[in-house]
Amino acid sequence: MYFGSSAIVDFALCSGLGVAAASCVAAAIETVNVIATAQMRDGSKKVLRVVVLLLDGGALLSIAAFIGGTKSVRDADSVFGFVVGMLAVGLLGFLIRRIRQLPRTSRHR
């Protein structure tokens, strides 16, 4: 059983789920960092980080349950697609940080 009509569509859909999961995790981390830089007590910052970690863990588990629940033995393409989607977001974030760190050169001299 596939989500779509073939293994390629199944891989693409699960890659999309991986991108969505990693994007949610990245957004939550950025949100916590912005909130934590506000004037908060250290204990409150730690509690906030733990709550966000639990929420993100629950979201990832629900996506994994969806993938696993649609077929008792999921095709390898689905699991691999989910991982590729998550890694793609991580790689994109890494590249964005590297580009921001590059020195800006003047084009007009």
PDB file of N, CA and C in Angstrom:
ATOM      1  N   MET A   1       0.845  -1.184   0.000  1.00  0.00           N
ATOM      2  CA  MET A   1       0.000   0.000   0.000  1.00  0.00           C
ATOM      3  C   MET A   1       0.880   1.233   0.000  1.00  0.00           C
ATOM      4  N   TYR A   2       0.567   2.167  -0.834  1.00  0.00           N
ATOM      5  CA  TYR A   2       1.276   3.436  -0.893  1.00  0.00           C
ATOM      6  C   TYR A   2       0.306   4.564  -0.560  1.00  0.00           C
ATOM      7  N   PHE A   3       0.845   5.701  -0.143  1.00  0.00           N
ATOM      8  CA  PHE A   3      -0.002   6.881   0.051  1.00  0.00           C
ATOM      9  C   PHE A   3      -0.557   7.330  -1.293  1.00  0.00           C
ATOM     10  N   GLY A   4       0.308   7.319  -2.276  1.00  0.00           N
ATOM     11  CA  GLY A   4      -0.078   7.745  -3.611  1.00  0.00           C
ATOM     12  C   GLY A   4      -0.221   6.554  -4.524  1.00  0.00           C
ATOM     13  N   SER A   5       0.114   6.743  -5.771  1.00  0.00           N
ATOM     14  CA  SER A   5      -0.060   5.676  -6.750  1.00  0.00           C
ATOM     15  C   SER A   5       1.201   4.847  -6.956  1.00  0.00           C
ATOM     16  N   SER A   6       2.347   5.299  -6.440  1.00  0.00           N
ATOM     17  CA  SER A   6       3.587   4.556  -6.656  1.00  0.00           C
ATOM     18  C   SER A   6       4.561   4.821  -5.514  1.00  0.00           C
ATOM     19  N   ALA A   7       5.683   4.129  -5.572  1.00  0.00           N
ATOM     20  CA  ALA A   7       6.709   4.306  -4.549  1.00  0.00           C
ATOM     21  C   ALA A   7       7.317   5.703  -4.616  1.00  0.00           C
ATOM     22  N   ILE A   8       7.371   6.289  -5.801  1.00  0.00           N
ATOM     23  CA  ILE A   8       7.933   7.644  -5.944  1.00  0.00           C
ATOM     24  C   ILE A   8       7.043   8.670  -5.263  1.00  0.00           C
ATOM     25  N   VAL A   9       5.735   8.532  -5.469  1.00  0.00           N
ATOM     26  CA  VAL A   9       4.795   9.443  -4.811  1.00  0.00           C
ATOM     27  C   VAL A   9       4.836   9.233  -3.306  1.00  0.00           C
ATOM     28  N   ASP A  10       4.951   7.998  -2.866  1.00  0.00           N
ATOM     29  CA  ASP A  10       5.051   7.677  -1.446  1.00  0.00           C
ATOM     30  C   ASP A  10       6.293   8.334  -0.839  1.00  0.00           C
ATOM     31  N   PHE A  11       7.415   8.231  -1.540  1.00  0.00           N
ATOM     32  CA  PHE A  11       8.650   8.862  -1.079  1.00  0.00           C
ATOM     33  C   PHE A  11       8.481  10.378  -0.992  1.00  0.00           C
ATOM     34  N   ALA A  12       7.871  10.980  -2.005  1.00  0.00           N
ATOM     35  CA  ALA A  12       7.687  12.436  -2.022  1.00  0.00           C
ATOM     36  C   ALA A  12       6.766  12.903  -0.893  1.00  0.00           C
ATOM     37  N   LEU A  13       5.686  12.178  -0.650  1.00  0.00           N
ATOM     38  CA  LEU A  13       4.774  12.558   0.427  1.00  0.00           C
ATOM     39  C   LEU A  13       5.446  12.449   1.792  1.00  0.00           C
ATOM     40  N   CYS A  14       6.196  11.391   2.004  1.00  0.00           N
ATOM     41  CA  CYS A  14       6.881  11.241   3.282  1.00  0.00           C
ATOM     42  C   CYS A  14       8.025  12.247   3.429  1.00  0.00           C
ATOM     43  N   SER A  15       8.650  12.620   2.329  1.00  0.00           N
ATOM     44  CA  SER A  15       9.654  13.690   2.389  1.00  0.00           C
ATOM     45  C   SER A  15       8.995  14.992   2.805  1.00  0.00           C
ATOM     46  N   GLY A  16       7.816  15.250   2.284  1.00  0.00           N
ATOM     47  CA  GLY A  16       7.063  16.441   2.688  1.00  0.00           C
ATOM     48  C   GLY A  16       6.710  16.428   4.162  1.00  0.00           C
ATOM     49  N   LEU A  17       6.347  15.256   4.690  1.00  0.00           N
ATOM     50  CA  LEU A  17       6.086  15.142   6.120  1.00  0.00           C
ATOM     51  C   LEU A  17       7.354  15.402   6.933  1.00  0.00           C
ATOM     52  N   GLY A  18       8.492  14.958   6.428  1.00  0.00           N
ATOM     53  CA  GLY A  18       9.767  15.220   7.100  1.00  0.00           C
ATOM     54  C   GLY A  18      10.109  16.696   7.101  1.00  0.00           C
ATOM     55  N   VAL A  19       9.859  17.361   5.977  1.00  0.00           N
ATOM     56  CA  VAL A  19      10.097  18.808   5.893  1.00  0.00           C
ATOM     57  C   VAL A  19       9.182  19.540   6.872  1.00  0.00           C
ATOM     58  N   ALA A  20       7.924  19.134   6.930  1.00  0.00           N
ATOM     59  CA  ALA A  20       6.985  19.776   7.849  1.00  0.00           C
ATOM     60  C   ALA A  20       7.402  19.575   9.302  1.00  0.00           C
ATOM     61  N   ALA A  21       7.820  18.371   9.645  1.00  0.00           N
ATOM     62  CA  ALA A  21       8.235  18.086  11.018  1.00  0.00           C
ATOM     63  C   ALA A  21       9.471  18.892  11.401  1.00  0.00           C
ATOM     64  N   ALA A  22      10.470  18.902  10.529  1.00  0.00           N
ATOM     65  CA  ALA A  22      11.699  19.638  10.834  1.00  0.00           C
ATOM     66  C   ALA A  22      11.450  21.136  10.869  1.00  0.00           C
ATOM     67  N   SER A  23      10.570  21.635  10.036  1.00  0.00           N
ATOM     68  CA  SER A  23      10.248  23.060  10.044  1.00  0.00           C
ATOM     69  C   SER A  23       9.562  23.459  11.346  1.00  0.00           C
ATOM     70  N   CYS A  24       8.689  22.598  11.836  1.00  0.00           N
ATOM     71  CA  CYS A  24       8.037  22.872  13.122  1.00  0.00           C
ATOM     72  C   CYS A  24       9.049  22.891  14.263  1.00  0.00           C
ATOM     73  N   VAL A  25       9.972  21.967  14.243  1.00  0.00           N
ATOM     74  CA  VAL A  25      11.015  21.923  15.278  1.00  0.00           C
ATOM     75  C   VAL A  25      11.878  23.184  15.200  1.00  0.00           C
ATOM     76  N   ALA A  26      12.283  23.581  13.993  1.00  0.00           N
ATOM     77  CA  ALA A  26      13.121  24.777  13.833  1.00  0.00           C
ATOM     78  C   ALA A  26      12.381  26.029  14.284  1.00  0.00           C
ATOM     79  N   ALA A  27      11.108  26.130  13.940  1.00  0.00           N
ATOM     80  CA  ALA A  27      10.319  27.291  14.357  1.00  0.00           C
ATOM     81  C   ALA A  27      10.163  27.337  15.873  1.00  0.00           C
ATOM     82  N   ALA A  28       9.959  26.182  16.490  1.00  0.00           N
ATOM     83  CA  ALA A  28       9.825  26.142  17.946  1.00  0.00           C
ATOM     84  C   ALA A  28      11.124  26.533  18.632  1.00  0.00           C
ATOM     85  N   ILE A  29      12.241  26.075  18.098  1.00  0.00           N
ATOM     86  CA  ILE A  29      13.535  26.424  18.692  1.00  0.00           C
ATOM     87  C   ILE A  29      13.776  27.927  18.594  1.00  0.00           C
ATOM     88  N   GLU A  30      13.505  28.505  17.434  1.00  0.00           N
ATOM     89  CA  GLU A  30      13.689  29.948  17.267  1.00  0.00           C
ATOM     90  C   GLU A  30      12.755  30.727  18.193  1.00  0.00           C
ATOM     91  N   THR A  31      11.529  30.269  18.332  1.00  0.00           N
ATOM     92  CA  THR A  31      10.576  30.944  19.205  1.00  0.00           C
ATOM     93  C   THR A  31      11.041  30.904  20.648  1.00  0.00           C
ATOM     94  N   VAL A  32      11.501  29.767  21.092  1.00  0.00           N
ATOM     95  CA  VAL A  32      11.994  29.652  22.470  1.00  0.00           C
ATOM     96  C   VAL A  32      13.207  30.540  22.673  1.00  0.00           C
ATOM     97  N   ASN A  33      14.106  30.608  21.693  1.00  0.00           N
ATOM     98  CA  ASN A  33      15.284  31.460  21.833  1.00  0.00           C
ATOM     99  C   ASN A  33      14.896  32.931  21.936  1.00  0.00           C
ATOM    100  N   VAL A  34      13.898  33.348  21.175  1.00  0.00           N
ATOM    101  CA  VAL A  34      13.456  34.746  21.239  1.00  0.00           C
ATOM    102  C   VAL A  34      12.794  35.023  22.573  1.00  0.00           C
ATOM    103  N   ILE A  35      11.932  34.115  23.008  1.00  0.00           N
ATOM    104  CA  ILE A  35      11.243  34.313  24.281  1.00  0.00           C
ATOM    105  C   ILE A  35      12.234  34.241  25.437  1.00  0.00           C
ATOM    106  N   ALA A  36      13.185  33.327  25.349  1.00  0.00           N
ATOM    107  CA  ALA A  36      14.136  33.137  26.447  1.00  0.00           C
ATOM    108  C   ALA A  36      15.097  34.308  26.577  1.00  0.00           C
ATOM    109  N   THR A  37      15.292  35.086  25.520  1.00  0.00           N
ATOM    110  CA  THR A  37      16.172  36.240  25.635  1.00  0.00           C
ATOM    111  C   THR A  37      15.475  37.395  26.346  1.00  0.00           C
ATOM    112  N   ALA A  38      14.152  37.323  26.453  1.00  0.00           N
ATOM    113  CA  ALA A  38      13.430  38.336  27.209  1.00  0.00           C
ATOM    114  C   ALA A  38      13.794  38.185  28.685  1.00  0.00           C
ATOM    115  N   GLN A  39      13.393  39.151  29.451  1.00  0.00           N
ATOM    116  CA  GLN A  39      13.749  39.106  30.867  1.00  0.00           C
ATOM    117  C   GLN A  39      12.863  38.096  31.577  1.00  0.00           C
ATOM    118  N   MET A  40      13.410  36.895  31.696  1.00  0.00           N
ATOM    119  CA  MET A  40      12.723  35.801  32.385  1.00  0.00           C
ATOM    120  C   MET A  40      13.678  35.209  33.408  1.00  0.00           C
ATOM    121  N   ARG A  41      13.104  34.592  34.368  1.00  0.00           N
ATOM    122  CA  ARG A  41      13.936  33.874  35.333  1.00  0.00           C
ATOM    123  C   ARG A  41      14.509  32.636  34.680  1.00  0.00           C
ATOM    124  N   ASP A  42      15.661  32.196  35.182  1.00  0.00           N
ATOM    125  CA  ASP A  42      16.303  31.007  34.617  1.00  0.00           C
ATOM    126  C   ASP A  42      15.418  29.778  34.740  1.00  0.00           C
ATOM    127  N   GLY A  43      14.708  29.656  35.828  1.00  0.00           N
ATOM    128  CA  GLY A  43      13.811  28.509  36.010  1.00  0.00           C
ATOM    129  C   GLY A  43      12.680  28.513  34.991  1.00  0.00           C
ATOM    130  N   SER A  44      12.144  29.695  34.718  1.00  0.00           N
ATOM    131  CA  SER A  44      11.069  29.801  33.724  1.00  0.00           C
ATOM    132  C   SER A  44      11.564  29.450  32.330  1.00  0.00           C
ATOM    133  N   LYS A  45      12.786  29.860  32.004  1.00  0.00           N
ATOM    134  CA  LYS A  45      13.363  29.521  30.698  1.00  0.00           C
ATOM    135  C   LYS A  45      13.513  28.010  30.549  1.00  0.00           C
ATOM    136  N   LYS A  46      13.980  27.356  31.611  1.00  0.00           N
ATOM    137  CA  LYS A  46      14.156  25.904  31.555  1.00  0.00           C
ATOM    138  C   LYS A  46      12.822  25.193  31.402  1.00  0.00           C
ATOM    139  N   VAL A  47      11.816  25.636  32.119  1.00  0.00           N
ATOM    140  CA  VAL A  47      10.490  25.019  32.010  1.00  0.00           C
ATOM    141  C   VAL A  47       9.936  25.214  30.605  1.00  0.00           C
ATOM    142  N   LEU A  48      10.098  26.403  30.042  1.00  0.00           N
ATOM    143  CA  LEU A  48       9.626  26.679  28.691  1.00  0.00           C
ATOM    144  C   LEU A  48      10.314  25.778  27.673  1.00  0.00           C
ATOM    145  N   ARG A  49      11.605  25.606  27.812  1.00  0.00           N
ATOM    146  CA  ARG A  49      12.344  24.734  26.889  1.00  0.00           C
ATOM    147  C   ARG A  49      11.890  23.286  26.999  1.00  0.00           C
ATOM    148  N   VAL A  50      11.624  22.816  28.209  1.00  0.00           N
ATOM    149  CA  VAL A  50      11.159  21.437  28.396  1.00  0.00           C
ATOM    150  C   VAL A  50       9.769  21.260  27.781  1.00  0.00           C
ATOM    151  N   VAL A  51       8.890  22.235  27.970  1.00  0.00           N
ATOM    152  CA  VAL A  51       7.543  22.153  27.400  1.00  0.00           C
ATOM    153  C   VAL A  51       7.607  22.097  25.876  1.00  0.00           C
ATOM    154  N   VAL A  52       8.439  22.949  25.271  1.00  0.00           N
ATOM    155  CA  VAL A  52       8.563  22.940  23.812  1.00  0.00           C
ATOM    156  C   VAL A  52       9.167  21.625  23.337  1.00  0.00           C
ATOM    157  N   LEU A  53      10.136  21.098  24.060  1.00  0.00           N
ATOM    158  CA  LEU A  53      10.719  19.804  23.703  1.00  0.00           C
ATOM    159  C   LEU A  53       9.665  18.700  23.735  1.00  0.00           C
ATOM    160  N   LEU A  54       8.824  18.692  24.751  1.00  0.00           N
ATOM    161  CA  LEU A  54       7.776  17.674  24.840  1.00  0.00           C
ATOM    162  C   LEU A  54       6.745  17.832  23.735  1.00  0.00           C
ATOM    163  N   LEU A  55       6.382  19.069  23.407  1.00  0.00           N
ATOM    164  CA  LEU A  55       5.427  19.302  22.318  1.00  0.00           C
ATOM    165  C   LEU A  55       6.003  18.853  20.976  1.00  0.00           C
ATOM    166  N   ASP A  56       7.253  19.179  20.724  1.00  0.00           N
ATOM    167  CA  ASP A  56       7.876  18.759  19.466  1.00  0.00           C
ATOM    168  C   ASP A  56       8.036  17.243  19.405  1.00  0.00           C
ATOM    169  N   GLY A  57       8.402  16.647  20.521  1.00  0.00           N
ATOM    170  CA  GLY A  57       8.502  15.185  20.556  1.00  0.00           C
ATOM    171  C   GLY A  57       7.156  14.534  20.273  1.00  0.00           C
ATOM    172  N   GLY A  58       6.103  15.091  20.831  1.00  0.00           N
ATOM    173  CA  GLY A  58       4.763  14.571  20.566  1.00  0.00           C
ATOM    174  C   GLY A  58       4.362  14.733  19.112  1.00  0.00           C
ATOM    175  N   ALA A  59       4.729  15.858  18.511  1.00  0.00           N
ATOM    176  CA  ALA A  59       4.415  16.079  17.095  1.00  0.00           C
ATOM    177  C   ALA A  59       5.149  15.074  16.216  1.00  0.00           C
ATOM    178  N   LEU A  60       6.430  14.848  16.493  1.00  0.00           N
ATOM    179  CA  LEU A  60       7.187  13.877  15.711  1.00  0.00           C
ATOM    180  C   LEU A  60       6.642  12.463  15.902  1.00  0.00           C
ATOM    181  N   LEU A  61       6.229  12.137  17.122  1.00  0.00           N
ATOM    182  CA  LEU A  61       5.648  10.818  17.352  1.00  0.00           C
ATOM    183  C   LEU A  61       4.317  10.648  16.622  1.00  0.00           C
ATOM    184  N   SER A  62       3.531  11.712  16.543  1.00  0.00           N
ATOM    185  CA  SER A  62       2.250  11.603  15.838  1.00  0.00           C
ATOM    186  C   SER A  62       2.465  11.407  14.339  1.00  0.00           C
ATOM    187  N   ILE A  63       3.469  12.063  13.778  1.00  0.00           N
ATOM    188  CA  ILE A  63       3.776  11.862  12.355  1.00  0.00           C
ATOM    189  C   ILE A  63       4.277  10.438  12.139  1.00  0.00           C
ATOM    190  N   ALA A  64       5.137   9.972  13.022  1.00  0.00           N
ATOM    191  CA  ALA A  64       5.633   8.595  12.902  1.00  0.00           C
ATOM    192  C   ALA A  64       4.491   7.589  13.055  1.00  0.00           C
ATOM    193  N   ALA A  65       3.545   7.869  13.947  1.00  0.00           N
ATOM    194  CA  ALA A  65       2.395   6.973  14.115  1.00  0.00           C
ATOM    195  C   ALA A  65       1.524   6.979  12.863  1.00  0.00           C
ATOM    196  N   PHE A  66       1.398   8.132  12.220  1.00  0.00           N
ATOM    197  CA  PHE A  66       0.627   8.208  10.978  1.00  0.00           C
ATOM    198  C   PHE A  66       1.277   7.371   9.889  1.00  0.00           C
ATOM    199  N   ILE A  67       2.589   7.524   9.746  1.00  0.00           N
ATOM    200  CA  ILE A  67       3.296   6.739   8.726  1.00  0.00           C
ATOM    201  C   ILE A  67       3.212   5.254   9.061  1.00  0.00           C
ATOM    202  N   GLY A  68       3.439   4.899  10.304  1.00  0.00           N
ATOM    203  CA  GLY A  68       3.402   3.494  10.701  1.00  0.00           C
ATOM    204  C   GLY A  68       2.002   2.913  10.720  1.00  0.00           C
ATOM    205  N   GLY A  69       0.993   3.747  11.008  1.00  0.00           N
ATOM    206  CA  GLY A  69      -0.376   3.253  11.095  1.00  0.00           C
ATOM    207  C   GLY A  69      -1.022   3.004   9.751  1.00  0.00           C
ATOM    208  N   THR A  70      -0.485   3.573   8.703  1.00  0.00           N
ATOM    209  CA  THR A  70      -1.097   3.385   7.393  1.00  0.00           C
ATOM    210  C   THR A  70      -0.738   2.040   6.779  1.00  0.00           C
ATOM    211  N   LYS A  71       0.265   1.409   7.325  1.00  0.00           N
ATOM    212  CA  LYS A  71       0.630   0.073   6.860  1.00  0.00           C
ATOM    213  C   LYS A  71       1.416  -0.602   7.975  1.00  0.00           C
ATOM    214  N   SER A  72       1.108  -1.849   8.229  1.00  0.00           N
ATOM    215  CA  SER A  72       1.769  -2.521   9.347  1.00  0.00           C
ATOM    216  C   SER A  72       3.275  -2.620   9.138  1.00  0.00           C
ATOM    217  N   VAL A  73       3.699  -2.864   7.926  1.00  0.00           N
ATOM    218  CA  VAL A  73       5.126  -2.857   7.608  1.00  0.00           C
ATOM    219  C   VAL A  73       5.301  -1.839   6.493  1.00  0.00           C
ATOM    220  N   ARG A  74       5.757  -0.661   6.853  1.00  0.00           N
ATOM    221  CA  ARG A  74       5.875   0.437   5.903  1.00  0.00           C
ATOM    222  C   ARG A  74       7.027   0.175   4.947  1.00  0.00           C
ATOM    223  N   ASP A  75       6.862   0.579   3.726  1.00  0.00           N
ATOM    224  CA  ASP A  75       7.917   0.445   2.727  1.00  0.00           C
ATOM    225  C   ASP A  75       9.129   1.290   3.127  1.00  0.00           C
ATOM    226  N   ALA A  76      10.278   0.842   2.754  1.00  0.00           N
ATOM    227  CA  ALA A  76      11.511   1.560   3.111  1.00  0.00           C
ATOM    228  C   ALA A  76      11.531   2.952   2.508  1.00  0.00           C
ATOM    229  N   ASP A  77      10.890   3.157   1.361  1.00  0.00           N
ATOM    230  CA  ASP A  77      10.859   4.475   0.736  1.00  0.00           C
ATOM    231  C   ASP A  77      10.212   5.518   1.638  1.00  0.00           C
ATOM    232  N   SER A  78       9.194   5.121   2.379  1.00  0.00           N
ATOM    233  CA  SER A  78       8.498   6.062   3.236  1.00  0.00           C
ATOM    234  C   SER A  78       9.401   6.546   4.365  1.00  0.00           C
ATOM    235  N   VAL A  79      10.029   5.616   5.041  1.00  0.00           N
ATOM    236  CA  VAL A  79      10.899   5.983   6.157  1.00  0.00           C
ATOM    237  C   VAL A  79      12.095   6.785   5.656  1.00  0.00           C
ATOM    238  N   PHE A  80      12.673   6.354   4.568  1.00  0.00           N
ATOM    239  CA  PHE A  80      13.809   7.069   3.991  1.00  0.00           C
ATOM    240  C   PHE A  80      13.395   8.466   3.535  1.00  0.00           C
ATOM    241  N   GLY A  81      12.212   8.603   2.966  1.00  0.00           N
ATOM    242  CA  GLY A  81      11.719   9.912   2.532  1.00  0.00           C
ATOM    243  C   GLY A  81      11.537  10.852   3.699  1.00  0.00           C
ATOM    244  N   PHE A  82      11.023  10.352   4.825  1.00  0.00           N
ATOM    245  CA  PHE A  82      10.843  11.177   6.016  1.00  0.00           C
ATOM    246  C   PHE A  82      12.187  11.694   6.511  1.00  0.00           C
ATOM    247  N   VAL A  83      13.169  10.823   6.558  1.00  0.00           N
ATOM    248  CA  VAL A  83      14.513  11.212   7.014  1.00  0.00           C
ATOM    249  C   VAL A  83      15.141  12.214   6.041  1.00  0.00           C
ATOM    250  N   VAL A  84      15.000  11.975   4.744  1.00  0.00           N
ATOM    251  CA  VAL A  84      15.554  12.900   3.746  1.00  0.00           C
ATOM    252  C   VAL A  84      14.912  14.274   3.874  1.00  0.00           C
ATOM    253  N   GLY A  85      13.614  14.317   4.107  1.00  0.00           N
ATOM    254  CA  GLY A  85      12.931  15.594   4.288  1.00  0.00           C
ATOM    255  C   GLY A  85      13.443  16.358   5.502  1.00  0.00           C
ATOM    256  N   MET A  86      13.656  15.648   6.604  1.00  0.00           N
ATOM    257  CA  MET A  86      14.172  16.304   7.809  1.00  0.00           C
ATOM    258  C   MET A  86      15.604  16.785   7.594  1.00  0.00           C
ATOM    259  N   LEU A  87      16.420  15.969   6.940  1.00  0.00           N
ATOM    260  CA  LEU A  87      17.803  16.372   6.676  1.00  0.00           C
ATOM    261  C   LEU A  87      17.873  17.552   5.708  1.00  0.00           C
ATOM    262  N   ALA A  88      16.943  17.628   4.772  1.00  0.00           N
ATOM    263  CA  ALA A  88      16.934  18.740   3.812  1.00  0.00           C
ATOM    264  C   ALA A  88      16.713  20.071   4.524  1.00  0.00           C
ATOM    265  N   VAL A  89      15.827  20.096   5.505  1.00  0.00           N
ATOM    266  CA  VAL A  89      15.595  21.330   6.254  1.00  0.00           C
ATOM    267  C   VAL A  89      16.826  21.690   7.080  1.00  0.00           C
ATOM    268  N   GLY A  90      17.454  20.685   7.689  1.00  0.00           N
ATOM    269  CA  GLY A  90      18.679  20.949   8.446  1.00  0.00           C
ATOM    270  C   GLY A  90      19.788  21.482   7.565  1.00  0.00           C
ATOM    271  N   LEU A  91      19.938  20.917   6.382  1.00  0.00           N
ATOM    272  CA  LEU A  91      20.953  21.387   5.447  1.00  0.00           C
ATOM    273  C   LEU A  91      20.652  22.801   4.971  1.00  0.00           C
ATOM    274  N   LEU A  92      19.396  23.087   4.706  1.00  0.00           N
ATOM    275  CA  LEU A  92      19.012  24.432   4.281  1.00  0.00           C
ATOM    276  C   LEU A  92      19.311  25.458   5.374  1.00  0.00           C
ATOM    277  N   GLY A  93      19.005  25.113   6.616  1.00  0.00           N
ATOM    278  CA  GLY A  93      19.317  26.005   7.732  1.00  0.00           C
ATOM    279  C   GLY A  93      20.812  26.237   7.877  1.00  0.00           C
ATOM    280  N   PHE A  94      21.590  25.175   7.706  1.00  0.00           N
ATOM    281  CA  PHE A  94      23.040  25.302   7.773  1.00  0.00           C
ATOM    282  C   PHE A  94      23.557  26.225   6.668  1.00  0.00           C
ATOM    283  N   LEU A  95      23.047  26.046   5.450  1.00  0.00           N
ATOM    284  CA  LEU A  95      23.491  26.886   4.329  1.00  0.00           C
ATOM    285  C   LEU A  95      23.106  28.350   4.534  1.00  0.00           C
ATOM    286  N   ILE A  96      21.936  28.591   5.065  1.00  0.00           N
ATOM    287  CA  ILE A  96      21.512  29.973   5.321  1.00  0.00           C
ATOM    288  C   ILE A  96      22.431  30.627   6.346  1.00  0.00           C
ATOM    289  N   ARG A  97      22.775  29.891   7.410  1.00  0.00           N
ATOM    290  CA  ARG A  97      23.697  30.455   8.411  1.00  0.00           C
ATOM    291  C   ARG A  97      25.069  30.740   7.818  1.00  0.00           C
ATOM    292  N   ARG A  98      25.558  29.845   6.963  1.00  0.00           N
ATOM    293  CA  ARG A  98      26.873  30.049   6.331  1.00  0.00           C
ATOM    294  C   ARG A  98      26.860  31.258   5.403  1.00  0.00           C
ATOM    295  N   ILE A  99      25.792  31.425   4.648  1.00  0.00           N
ATOM    296  CA  ILE A  99      25.697  32.563   3.730  1.00  0.00           C
ATOM    297  C   ILE A  99      25.634  33.865   4.510  1.00  0.00           C
ATOM    298  N   ARG A 100      24.933  33.882   5.629  1.00  0.00           N
ATOM    299  CA  ARG A 100      24.862  35.096   6.447  1.00  0.00           C
ATOM    300  C   ARG A 100      26.214  35.458   7.046  1.00  0.00           C
ATOM    301  N   GLN A 101      27.071  34.463   7.263  1.00  0.00           N
ATOM    302  CA  GLN A 101      28.374  34.715   7.865  1.00  0.00           C
ATOM    303  C   GLN A 101      29.412  35.161   6.849  1.00  0.00           C
ATOM    304  N   LEU A 102      29.148  34.996   5.565  1.00  0.00           N
ATOM    305  CA  LEU A 102      30.109  35.404   4.550  1.00  0.00           C
ATOM    306  C   LEU A 102      30.286  36.916   4.569  1.00  0.00           C
ATOM    307  N   PRO A 103      31.523  37.380   4.394  1.00  0.00           N
ATOM    308  CA  PRO A 103      31.728  38.831   4.369  1.00  0.00           C
ATOM    309  C   PRO A 103      31.106  39.419   3.102  1.00  0.00           C
ATOM    310  N   ARG A 104      30.501  40.571   3.271  1.00  0.00           N
ATOM    311  CA  ARG A 104      29.900  41.238   2.130  1.00  0.00           C
ATOM    312  C   ARG A 104      30.957  42.047   1.414  1.00  0.00           C
ATOM    313  N   THR A 105      31.083  41.797   0.142  1.00  0.00           N
ATOM    314  CA  THR A 105      32.076  42.541  -0.648  1.00  0.00           C
ATOM    315  C   THR A 105      31.359  43.567  -1.494  1.00  0.00           C
ATOM    316  N   SER A 106      32.048  44.629  -1.746  1.00  0.00           N
ATOM    317  CA  SER A 106      31.474  45.696  -2.558  1.00  0.00           C
ATOM    318  C   SER A 106      31.642  45.338  -4.025  1.00  0.00           C
ATOM    319  N   ARG A 107      30.557  45.446  -4.770  1.00  0.00           N
ATOM    320  CA  ARG A 107      30.610  45.147  -6.206  1.00  0.00           C
ATOM    321  C   ARG A 107      31.135  46.342  -6.984  1.00  0.00           C
ATOM    322  N   HIS A 108      30.970  47.529  -6.436  1.00  0.00           N
ATOM    323  CA  HIS A 108      31.385  48.747  -7.123  1.00  0.00           C
ATOM    324  C   HIS A 108      32.652  49.284  -6.474  1.00  0.00           C
ATOM    325  N   ARG A 109      33.726  49.299  -7.198  1.00  0.00           N
ATOM    326  CA  ARG A 109      34.987  49.806  -6.637  1.00  0.00           C
ATOM    327  C   ARG A 109      35.445  51.002  -7.366  1.00  0.00           C
TER     328      ARG A 109
END
